[in-house]
Amino acid sequence: MRQFALIILLPAAIGCLQQTPPVQSTVHVAIPLDSVADVRAAVAHASEAPRAIIFIHVHWSILHPHSTQFQEFVSVWHSAHPEYPVSFHRIDFTEACGDYAPITSLPGYSEWEQSAGRHPFGGNGEWAWIADGKLVDIDAQLGTSNAELLKRTENAFLKVD
């Protein structure tokens, strides 16, 4: 699996002013993965984090605006909640887009699909929220605002209404 991680030290981390270590979050960008096993490993890595957001993409999809929004949302989240690090993952699902099994096999997916009444993945730059290894939310709508994504992330990870 070819993957790299970029560690972001947030300058807004209030901990720096309080003599405690700064909060760190990671952004993982999985460059084109060569097999379903590679995709499965990237999803497993993401699900090991206490809080993770996966941006799902496939190489044949026109999703540049959504990919850019994912990058922007990393900053939006950390501006709003620097005390809650999240592991952000951009994973290329091209090799697994037939059934998206690496993510649809996570705990919580069946419940989400039943409540939504549909299979959410289709190569449109979907977002998936994972808390303690369980899939807790999926956004399959194009054009969701950063404000709405922030609210959904708070609901998924902080249980905020």
N, C-alpha and C. Protein backbone atom coordinates (compact mmCIF):
# COMPACT_ATOMS: atom_id res chain seq x y z
N MET A 1 0.86 -1.17 0.00
CA MET A 1 0.00 0.00 0.00
C MET A 1 0.90 1.23 0.00
N ARG A 2 0.65 2.14 -0.91
CA ARG A 2 1.40 3.38 -0.96
C ARG A 2 0.57 4.46 -0.30
N GLN A 3 1.08 4.98 0.80
CA GLN A 3 0.32 5.98 1.55
C GLN A 3 1.31 6.84 2.31
N PHE A 4 0.96 8.08 2.53
CA PHE A 4 1.78 8.90 3.39
C PHE A 4 0.90 9.66 4.34
N ALA A 5 1.50 10.07 5.43
CA ALA A 5 0.74 10.82 6.43
C ALA A 5 1.41 12.17 6.63
N LEU A 6 0.62 13.17 6.73
CA LEU A 6 1.08 14.51 7.00
C LEU A 6 0.57 14.88 8.38
N ILE A 7 1.47 15.13 9.30
CA ILE A 7 1.06 15.50 10.64
C ILE A 7 0.89 17.02 10.66
N ILE A 8 -0.26 17.45 11.11
CA ILE A 8 -0.54 18.88 11.18
C ILE A 8 -0.51 19.30 12.63
N LEU A 9 0.38 20.21 12.96
CA LEU A 9 0.38 20.82 14.28
C LEU A 9 -0.43 22.08 14.17
N LEU A 10 -1.49 22.12 14.90
CA LEU A 10 -2.42 23.22 14.77
C LEU A 10 -1.92 24.44 15.54
N PRO A 11 -1.69 25.54 14.86
CA PRO A 11 -1.20 26.72 15.54
C PRO A 11 -2.21 27.29 16.53
N ALA A 12 -3.48 26.96 16.31
CA ALA A 12 -4.52 27.47 17.21
C ALA A 12 -4.68 26.60 18.45
N ALA A 13 -3.82 25.61 18.60
CA ALA A 13 -3.96 24.71 19.74
C ALA A 13 -3.75 25.49 21.03
N ILE A 14 -4.80 25.63 21.77
CA ILE A 14 -4.78 26.41 23.01
C ILE A 14 -3.81 25.80 24.00
N GLY A 15 -3.58 24.50 23.89
CA GLY A 15 -2.67 23.83 24.80
C GLY A 15 -1.29 24.46 24.83
N CYS A 16 -0.86 25.07 23.74
CA CYS A 16 0.45 25.71 23.70
C CYS A 16 0.53 26.83 24.73
N LEU A 17 -0.56 27.51 24.95
CA LEU A 17 -0.58 28.61 25.90
C LEU A 17 -0.73 28.13 27.34
N GLN A 18 -1.14 26.88 27.50
CA GLN A 18 -1.39 26.36 28.83
C GLN A 18 -0.29 25.40 29.28
N GLN A 19 0.86 25.43 28.65
CA GLN A 19 1.99 24.60 29.00
C GLN A 19 1.71 23.11 28.80
N THR A 20 0.81 22.76 27.90
CA THR A 20 0.56 21.36 27.58
C THR A 20 0.89 21.15 26.12
N PRO A 21 1.16 19.91 25.72
CA PRO A 21 1.50 19.67 24.32
C PRO A 21 0.36 20.07 23.39
N PRO A 22 0.70 20.54 22.19
CA PRO A 22 -0.35 20.92 21.24
C PRO A 22 -1.12 19.69 20.76
N VAL A 23 -2.37 19.92 20.39
CA VAL A 23 -3.21 18.86 19.84
C VAL A 23 -2.71 18.56 18.44
N GLN A 24 -2.64 17.29 18.09
CA GLN A 24 -2.21 16.91 16.75
C GLN A 24 -3.32 16.14 16.06
N SER A 25 -3.47 16.39 14.79
CA SER A 25 -4.35 15.59 13.96
C SER A 25 -3.55 15.14 12.76
N THR A 26 -4.04 14.13 12.10
CA THR A 26 -3.33 13.64 10.93
C THR A 26 -4.24 13.71 9.71
N VAL A 27 -3.61 13.91 8.59
CA VAL A 27 -4.30 13.83 7.31
C VAL A 27 -3.56 12.77 6.51
N HIS A 28 -4.29 11.72 6.13
CA HIS A 28 -3.72 10.62 5.37
C HIS A 28 -4.27 10.69 3.96
N VAL A 29 -3.38 10.66 3.01
CA VAL A 29 -3.79 10.69 1.61
C VAL A 29 -3.31 9.39 0.97
N ALA A 30 -4.25 8.52 0.67
CA ALA A 30 -3.91 7.26 0.03
C ALA A 30 -3.88 7.49 -1.48
N ILE A 31 -2.67 7.52 -2.02
CA ILE A 31 -2.53 7.70 -3.46
C ILE A 31 -3.02 6.42 -4.14
N PRO A 32 -3.21 6.41 -5.44
CA PRO A 32 -3.87 5.27 -6.08
C PRO A 32 -3.44 3.92 -5.49
N LEU A 33 -4.42 3.20 -4.99
CA LEU A 33 -4.18 1.91 -4.38
C LEU A 33 -4.34 0.83 -5.44
N ASP A 34 -3.51 -0.19 -5.35
CA ASP A 34 -3.43 -1.18 -6.43
C ASP A 34 -4.38 -2.36 -6.30
N SER A 35 -5.02 -2.52 -5.14
CA SER A 35 -5.87 -3.70 -4.97
C SER A 35 -6.93 -3.43 -3.90
N VAL A 36 -7.92 -4.32 -3.86
CA VAL A 36 -8.93 -4.24 -2.81
C VAL A 36 -8.27 -4.40 -1.45
N ALA A 37 -7.23 -5.24 -1.38
CA ALA A 37 -6.51 -5.44 -0.11
C ALA A 37 -5.88 -4.13 0.36
N ASP A 38 -5.34 -3.33 -0.56
CA ASP A 38 -4.78 -2.03 -0.20
C ASP A 38 -5.86 -1.09 0.33
N VAL A 39 -7.01 -1.08 -0.33
CA VAL A 39 -8.13 -0.24 0.11
C VAL A 39 -8.59 -0.70 1.49
N ARG A 40 -8.72 -2.01 1.66
CA ARG A 40 -9.15 -2.57 2.96
C ARG A 40 -8.17 -2.16 4.06
N ALA A 41 -6.87 -2.21 3.77
CA ALA A 41 -5.86 -1.82 4.76
C ALA A 41 -5.96 -0.34 5.11
N ALA A 42 -6.22 0.51 4.11
CA ALA A 42 -6.36 1.95 4.37
C ALA A 42 -7.58 2.24 5.24
N VAL A 43 -8.69 1.53 4.97
CA VAL A 43 -9.90 1.71 5.78
C VAL A 43 -9.67 1.17 7.20
N ALA A 44 -8.99 0.05 7.31
CA ALA A 44 -8.68 -0.50 8.64
C ALA A 44 -7.82 0.47 9.44
N HIS A 45 -6.85 1.08 8.77
CA HIS A 45 -6.00 2.08 9.43
C HIS A 45 -6.85 3.24 9.94
N ALA A 46 -7.76 3.72 9.12
CA ALA A 46 -8.63 4.83 9.53
C ALA A 46 -9.50 4.43 10.71
N SER A 47 -10.02 3.21 10.68
CA SER A 47 -10.95 2.79 11.73
C SER A 47 -10.26 2.54 13.07
N GLU A 48 -8.95 2.54 13.10
CA GLU A 48 -8.21 2.38 14.36
C GLU A 48 -8.18 3.67 15.17
N ALA A 49 -8.44 4.79 14.54
CA ALA A 49 -8.42 6.09 15.23
C ALA A 49 -9.69 6.24 16.06
N PRO A 50 -9.61 6.96 17.17
CA PRO A 50 -10.83 7.20 17.96
C PRO A 50 -11.90 7.96 17.17
N ARG A 51 -11.46 8.90 16.32
CA ARG A 51 -12.36 9.68 15.47
C ARG A 51 -11.70 9.81 14.10
N ALA A 52 -12.42 9.40 13.06
CA ALA A 52 -11.86 9.49 11.71
C ALA A 52 -12.94 9.90 10.72
N ILE A 53 -12.52 10.65 9.72
CA ILE A 53 -13.38 10.98 8.59
C ILE A 53 -12.66 10.49 7.34
N ILE A 54 -13.40 9.74 6.53
CA ILE A 54 -12.85 9.26 5.27
C ILE A 54 -13.55 9.98 4.13
N PHE A 55 -12.77 10.54 3.24
CA PHE A 55 -13.30 11.08 1.99
C PHE A 55 -13.06 10.00 0.95
N ILE A 56 -14.14 9.49 0.37
CA ILE A 56 -14.09 8.36 -0.55
C ILE A 56 -14.11 8.89 -1.98
N HIS A 57 -13.13 8.48 -2.75
CA HIS A 57 -13.14 8.91 -4.15
C HIS A 57 -12.69 7.77 -5.06
N VAL A 58 -12.99 7.92 -6.32
CA VAL A 58 -12.54 6.99 -7.35
C VAL A 58 -11.92 7.82 -8.47
N HIS A 59 -10.94 7.26 -9.14
CA HIS A 59 -10.19 8.07 -10.12
C HIS A 59 -11.00 8.50 -11.32
N TRP A 60 -12.11 7.83 -11.61
CA TRP A 60 -12.91 8.19 -12.77
C TRP A 60 -13.97 9.24 -12.49
N SER A 61 -14.09 9.66 -11.26
CA SER A 61 -15.12 10.62 -10.89
C SER A 61 -14.60 12.06 -10.99
N ILE A 62 -15.47 12.94 -11.39
CA ILE A 62 -15.12 14.36 -11.44
C ILE A 62 -15.51 14.96 -10.09
N LEU A 63 -14.55 15.01 -9.17
CA LEU A 63 -14.90 15.45 -7.82
C LEU A 63 -13.94 16.49 -7.28
N HIS A 64 -13.21 17.16 -8.12
CA HIS A 64 -12.24 18.14 -7.63
C HIS A 64 -12.83 19.13 -6.63
N PRO A 65 -14.00 19.71 -6.87
CA PRO A 65 -14.54 20.65 -5.87
C PRO A 65 -14.76 20.00 -4.51
N HIS A 66 -15.14 18.74 -4.49
CA HIS A 66 -15.40 18.07 -3.22
C HIS A 66 -14.09 17.70 -2.53
N SER A 67 -13.08 17.35 -3.32
CA SER A 67 -11.77 17.07 -2.77
C SER A 67 -11.19 18.32 -2.12
N THR A 68 -11.36 19.44 -2.78
CA THR A 68 -10.90 20.73 -2.22
C THR A 68 -11.66 21.04 -0.94
N GLN A 69 -12.96 20.77 -0.93
CA GLN A 69 -13.74 21.02 0.28
C GLN A 69 -13.24 20.16 1.43
N PHE A 70 -12.86 18.93 1.16
CA PHE A 70 -12.32 18.05 2.21
C PHE A 70 -11.09 18.70 2.84
N GLN A 71 -10.21 19.22 2.00
CA GLN A 71 -9.02 19.91 2.51
C GLN A 71 -9.40 21.13 3.33
N GLU A 72 -10.37 21.87 2.87
CA GLU A 72 -10.83 23.05 3.61
C GLU A 72 -11.46 22.66 4.94
N PHE A 73 -12.21 21.55 4.94
CA PHE A 73 -12.91 21.15 6.15
C PHE A 73 -11.95 20.76 7.28
N VAL A 74 -10.78 20.28 6.93
CA VAL A 74 -9.78 19.99 7.98
C VAL A 74 -9.56 21.26 8.80
N SER A 75 -9.39 22.39 8.15
CA SER A 75 -9.19 23.67 8.85
C SER A 75 -10.45 24.11 9.58
N VAL A 76 -11.61 23.93 8.95
CA VAL A 76 -12.87 24.31 9.59
C VAL A 76 -13.03 23.56 10.90
N TRP A 77 -12.80 22.25 10.88
CA TRP A 77 -12.95 21.45 12.10
C TRP A 77 -12.00 21.95 13.19
N HIS A 78 -10.74 22.13 12.82
CA HIS A 78 -9.75 22.50 13.84
C HIS A 78 -9.92 23.92 14.35
N SER A 79 -10.50 24.76 13.56
CA SER A 79 -10.81 26.11 14.05
C SER A 79 -11.94 26.05 15.07
N ALA A 80 -12.91 25.18 14.83
CA ALA A 80 -14.06 25.07 15.73
C ALA A 80 -13.76 24.24 16.97
N HIS A 81 -12.95 23.19 16.82
CA HIS A 81 -12.72 22.24 17.92
C HIS A 81 -11.26 21.79 17.97
N PRO A 82 -10.35 22.68 18.27
CA PRO A 82 -8.93 22.28 18.28
C PRO A 82 -8.61 21.23 19.34
N GLU A 83 -9.47 21.12 20.34
CA GLU A 83 -9.22 20.17 21.42
C GLU A 83 -9.61 18.73 21.07
N TYR A 84 -10.24 18.51 19.91
CA TYR A 84 -10.68 17.18 19.50
C TYR A 84 -10.01 16.80 18.19
N PRO A 85 -8.85 16.15 18.26
CA PRO A 85 -8.19 15.75 17.01
C PRO A 85 -8.99 14.68 16.27
N VAL A 86 -8.95 14.77 14.97
CA VAL A 86 -9.62 13.82 14.09
C VAL A 86 -8.58 13.35 13.09
N SER A 87 -8.66 12.08 12.75
CA SER A 87 -7.80 11.52 11.72
C SER A 87 -8.56 11.61 10.39
N PHE A 88 -8.06 12.42 9.48
CA PHE A 88 -8.71 12.63 8.18
C PHE A 88 -8.03 11.75 7.13
N HIS A 89 -8.84 11.06 6.33
CA HIS A 89 -8.31 10.13 5.33
C HIS A 89 -8.98 10.38 3.99
N ARG A 90 -8.17 10.51 2.97
CA ARG A 90 -8.67 10.60 1.58
C ARG A 90 -8.25 9.29 0.92
N ILE A 91 -9.21 8.41 0.66
CA ILE A 91 -8.89 7.07 0.19
C ILE A 91 -9.47 6.84 -1.21
N ASP A 92 -8.62 6.36 -2.09
CA ASP A 92 -9.00 6.03 -3.46
C ASP A 92 -9.64 4.64 -3.46
N PHE A 93 -10.94 4.59 -3.72
CA PHE A 93 -11.69 3.34 -3.72
C PHE A 93 -11.85 2.75 -5.12
N THR A 94 -11.07 3.20 -6.09
CA THR A 94 -11.23 2.74 -7.47
C THR A 94 -11.24 1.22 -7.57
N GLU A 95 -10.33 0.56 -6.88
CA GLU A 95 -10.23 -0.90 -6.97
C GLU A 95 -11.34 -1.61 -6.22
N ALA A 96 -12.10 -0.89 -5.38
CA ALA A 96 -13.14 -1.52 -4.56
C ALA A 96 -14.51 -0.92 -4.81
N CYS A 97 -14.69 -0.24 -5.94
CA CYS A 97 -15.94 0.49 -6.14
C CYS A 97 -17.10 -0.39 -6.60
N GLY A 98 -16.86 -1.67 -6.81
CA GLY A 98 -17.98 -2.55 -7.16
C GLY A 98 -18.99 -2.66 -6.03
N ASP A 99 -18.50 -2.88 -4.82
CA ASP A 99 -19.39 -3.01 -3.67
C ASP A 99 -18.94 -2.17 -2.47
N TYR A 100 -17.80 -1.51 -2.60
CA TYR A 100 -17.25 -0.68 -1.52
C TYR A 100 -17.09 -1.49 -0.22
N ALA A 101 -16.85 -2.80 -0.37
CA ALA A 101 -16.79 -3.70 0.78
C ALA A 101 -15.83 -3.26 1.89
N PRO A 102 -14.71 -2.65 1.61
CA PRO A 102 -13.87 -2.27 2.74
C PRO A 102 -14.57 -1.35 3.74
N ILE A 103 -15.50 -0.53 3.26
CA ILE A 103 -16.21 0.36 4.20
C ILE A 103 -17.59 -0.18 4.56
N THR A 104 -18.24 -0.88 3.63
CA THR A 104 -19.56 -1.41 3.93
C THR A 104 -19.51 -2.58 4.89
N SER A 105 -18.33 -3.11 5.14
CA SER A 105 -18.19 -4.21 6.10
C SER A 105 -17.91 -3.72 7.51
N LEU A 106 -17.77 -2.41 7.69
CA LEU A 106 -17.52 -1.87 9.03
C LEU A 106 -18.75 -2.01 9.92
N PRO A 107 -18.54 -2.20 11.22
CA PRO A 107 -19.67 -2.18 12.14
C PRO A 107 -20.42 -0.85 11.99
N GLY A 108 -21.74 -0.92 12.02
CA GLY A 108 -22.56 0.28 11.90
C GLY A 108 -23.09 0.53 10.51
N TYR A 109 -22.46 -0.05 9.48
CA TYR A 109 -22.91 0.22 8.12
C TYR A 109 -24.33 -0.30 7.88
N SER A 110 -24.60 -1.52 8.29
CA SER A 110 -25.93 -2.11 8.04
C SER A 110 -27.04 -1.26 8.65
N GLU A 111 -26.81 -0.78 9.88
CA GLU A 111 -27.81 0.07 10.53
C GLU A 111 -28.00 1.37 9.76
N TRP A 112 -26.89 1.95 9.29
CA TRP A 112 -26.99 3.20 8.54
C TRP A 112 -27.76 2.97 7.24
N GLU A 113 -27.42 1.91 6.52
CA GLU A 113 -28.09 1.63 5.24
C GLU A 113 -29.58 1.38 5.45
N GLN A 114 -29.93 0.64 6.50
CA GLN A 114 -31.35 0.38 6.76
C GLN A 114 -32.10 1.67 7.07
N SER A 115 -31.50 2.53 7.88
CA SER A 115 -32.19 3.78 8.22
C SER A 115 -32.29 4.72 7.02
N ALA A 116 -31.28 4.72 6.16
CA ALA A 116 -31.30 5.58 4.97
C ALA A 116 -32.12 4.97 3.84
N GLY A 117 -32.24 3.64 3.86
CA GLY A 117 -33.00 2.97 2.82
C GLY A 117 -32.31 2.89 1.48
N ARG A 118 -30.99 3.04 1.48
CA ARG A 118 -30.27 2.99 0.21
C ARG A 118 -28.79 2.73 0.44
N HIS A 119 -28.12 2.28 -0.62
CA HIS A 119 -26.66 2.13 -0.63
C HIS A 119 -26.09 3.51 -0.98
N PRO A 120 -25.25 4.08 -0.14
CA PRO A 120 -24.87 5.48 -0.32
C PRO A 120 -23.71 5.76 -1.27
N PHE A 121 -22.97 4.75 -1.68
CA PHE A 121 -21.74 5.01 -2.41
C PHE A 121 -21.92 4.90 -3.92
N GLY A 122 -21.29 5.82 -4.64
CA GLY A 122 -21.41 5.80 -6.08
C GLY A 122 -20.34 6.61 -6.80
N GLY A 123 -19.25 6.91 -6.12
CA GLY A 123 -18.16 7.63 -6.76
C GLY A 123 -18.32 9.13 -6.79
N ASN A 124 -19.15 9.68 -5.92
CA ASN A 124 -19.40 11.11 -5.91
C ASN A 124 -18.67 11.87 -4.81
N GLY A 125 -17.64 11.28 -4.26
CA GLY A 125 -16.90 11.97 -3.20
C GLY A 125 -17.63 11.92 -1.87
N GLU A 126 -18.04 10.73 -1.46
CA GLU A 126 -18.77 10.58 -0.21
C GLU A 126 -17.85 10.75 1.00
N TRP A 127 -18.46 11.09 2.12
CA TRP A 127 -17.77 11.24 3.39
C TRP A 127 -18.29 10.16 4.34
N ALA A 128 -17.40 9.61 5.15
CA ALA A 128 -17.81 8.62 6.15
C ALA A 128 -17.16 8.99 7.48
N TRP A 129 -17.97 9.00 8.53
CA TRP A 129 -17.50 9.30 9.89
C TRP A 129 -17.39 7.99 10.65
N ILE A 130 -16.24 7.75 11.27
CA ILE A 130 -16.01 6.53 12.04
C ILE A 130 -15.61 6.93 13.45
N ALA A 131 -16.32 6.39 14.44
CA ALA A 131 -16.00 6.64 15.85
C ALA A 131 -15.71 5.31 16.51
N ASP A 132 -14.51 5.18 17.05
CA ASP A 132 -14.10 3.94 17.74
C ASP A 132 -14.38 2.70 16.90
N GLY A 133 -14.04 2.77 15.61
CA GLY A 133 -14.16 1.62 14.72
C GLY A 133 -15.54 1.38 14.14
N LYS A 134 -16.51 2.20 14.50
CA LYS A 134 -17.88 2.02 14.03
C LYS A 134 -18.27 3.15 13.07
N LEU A 135 -18.83 2.78 11.95
CA LEU A 135 -19.32 3.77 10.99
C LEU A 135 -20.57 4.41 11.58
N VAL A 136 -20.52 5.73 11.80
CA VAL A 136 -21.63 6.41 12.47
C VAL A 136 -22.41 7.36 11.57
N ASP A 137 -21.84 7.74 10.42
CA ASP A 137 -22.57 8.62 9.51
C ASP A 137 -21.91 8.56 8.14
N ILE A 138 -22.71 8.86 7.12
CA ILE A 138 -22.23 8.92 5.74
C ILE A 138 -22.92 10.10 5.09
N ASP A 139 -22.16 10.88 4.34
CA ASP A 139 -22.75 11.96 3.55
C ASP A 139 -22.52 11.63 2.09
N ALA A 140 -23.59 11.38 1.39
CA ALA A 140 -23.51 11.04 -0.03
C ALA A 140 -24.15 12.12 -0.90
N GLN A 141 -24.36 13.29 -0.32
CA GLN A 141 -24.98 14.38 -1.07
C GLN A 141 -23.91 15.32 -1.59
N LEU A 142 -24.02 15.66 -2.82
CA LEU A 142 -23.08 16.63 -3.38
C LEU A 142 -23.46 18.02 -2.90
N GLY A 143 -22.48 18.81 -2.58
CA GLY A 143 -22.74 20.20 -2.24
C GLY A 143 -23.11 20.46 -0.79
N THR A 144 -22.84 19.53 0.11
CA THR A 144 -23.09 19.78 1.53
C THR A 144 -22.15 20.88 1.98
N SER A 145 -22.67 21.88 2.67
CA SER A 145 -21.86 23.02 3.10
C SER A 145 -20.92 22.63 4.24
N ASN A 146 -19.87 23.41 4.41
CA ASN A 146 -18.96 23.18 5.53
C ASN A 146 -19.68 23.33 6.86
N ALA A 147 -20.65 24.23 6.95
CA ALA A 147 -21.42 24.40 8.18
C ALA A 147 -22.20 23.13 8.51
N GLU A 148 -22.81 22.52 7.50
CA GLU A 148 -23.54 21.28 7.71
C GLU A 148 -22.59 20.13 8.04
N LEU A 149 -21.44 20.08 7.36
CA LEU A 149 -20.45 19.05 7.67
C LEU A 149 -19.94 19.20 9.10
N LEU A 150 -19.77 20.44 9.54
CA LEU A 150 -19.34 20.69 10.92
C LEU A 150 -20.38 20.16 11.91
N LYS A 151 -21.64 20.45 11.63
CA LYS A 151 -22.71 19.98 12.51
C LYS A 151 -22.76 18.45 12.55
N ARG A 152 -22.64 17.83 11.38
CA ARG A 152 -22.65 16.37 11.34
C ARG A 152 -21.46 15.77 12.06
N THR A 153 -20.31 16.42 11.95
CA THR A 153 -19.11 15.93 12.63
C THR A 153 -19.27 16.08 14.14
N GLU A 154 -19.81 17.18 14.57
CA GLU A 154 -20.09 17.36 16.01
C GLU A 154 -21.06 16.28 16.50
N ASN A 155 -22.10 16.02 15.74
CA ASN A 155 -23.08 14.99 16.13
C ASN A 155 -22.44 13.61 16.17
N ALA A 156 -21.58 13.32 15.22
CA ALA A 156 -20.94 12.02 15.16
C ALA A 156 -19.93 11.80 16.28
N PHE A 157 -19.15 12.84 16.58
CA PHE A 157 -18.04 12.66 17.50
C PHE A 157 -18.25 13.25 18.87
N LEU A 158 -19.07 14.29 18.97
CA LEU A 158 -19.25 14.98 20.25
C LEU A 158 -20.65 14.82 20.81
N LYS A 159 -21.53 14.21 20.03
CA LYS A 159 -22.93 14.02 20.41
C LYS A 159 -23.58 15.36 20.77
N VAL A 160 -23.34 16.35 19.92
CA VAL A 160 -23.89 17.70 20.09
C VAL A 160 -25.17 17.81 19.26
N ASP A 161 -26.20 18.42 19.81
CA ASP A 161 -27.44 18.63 19.05
C ASP A 161 -27.49 20.01 18.46
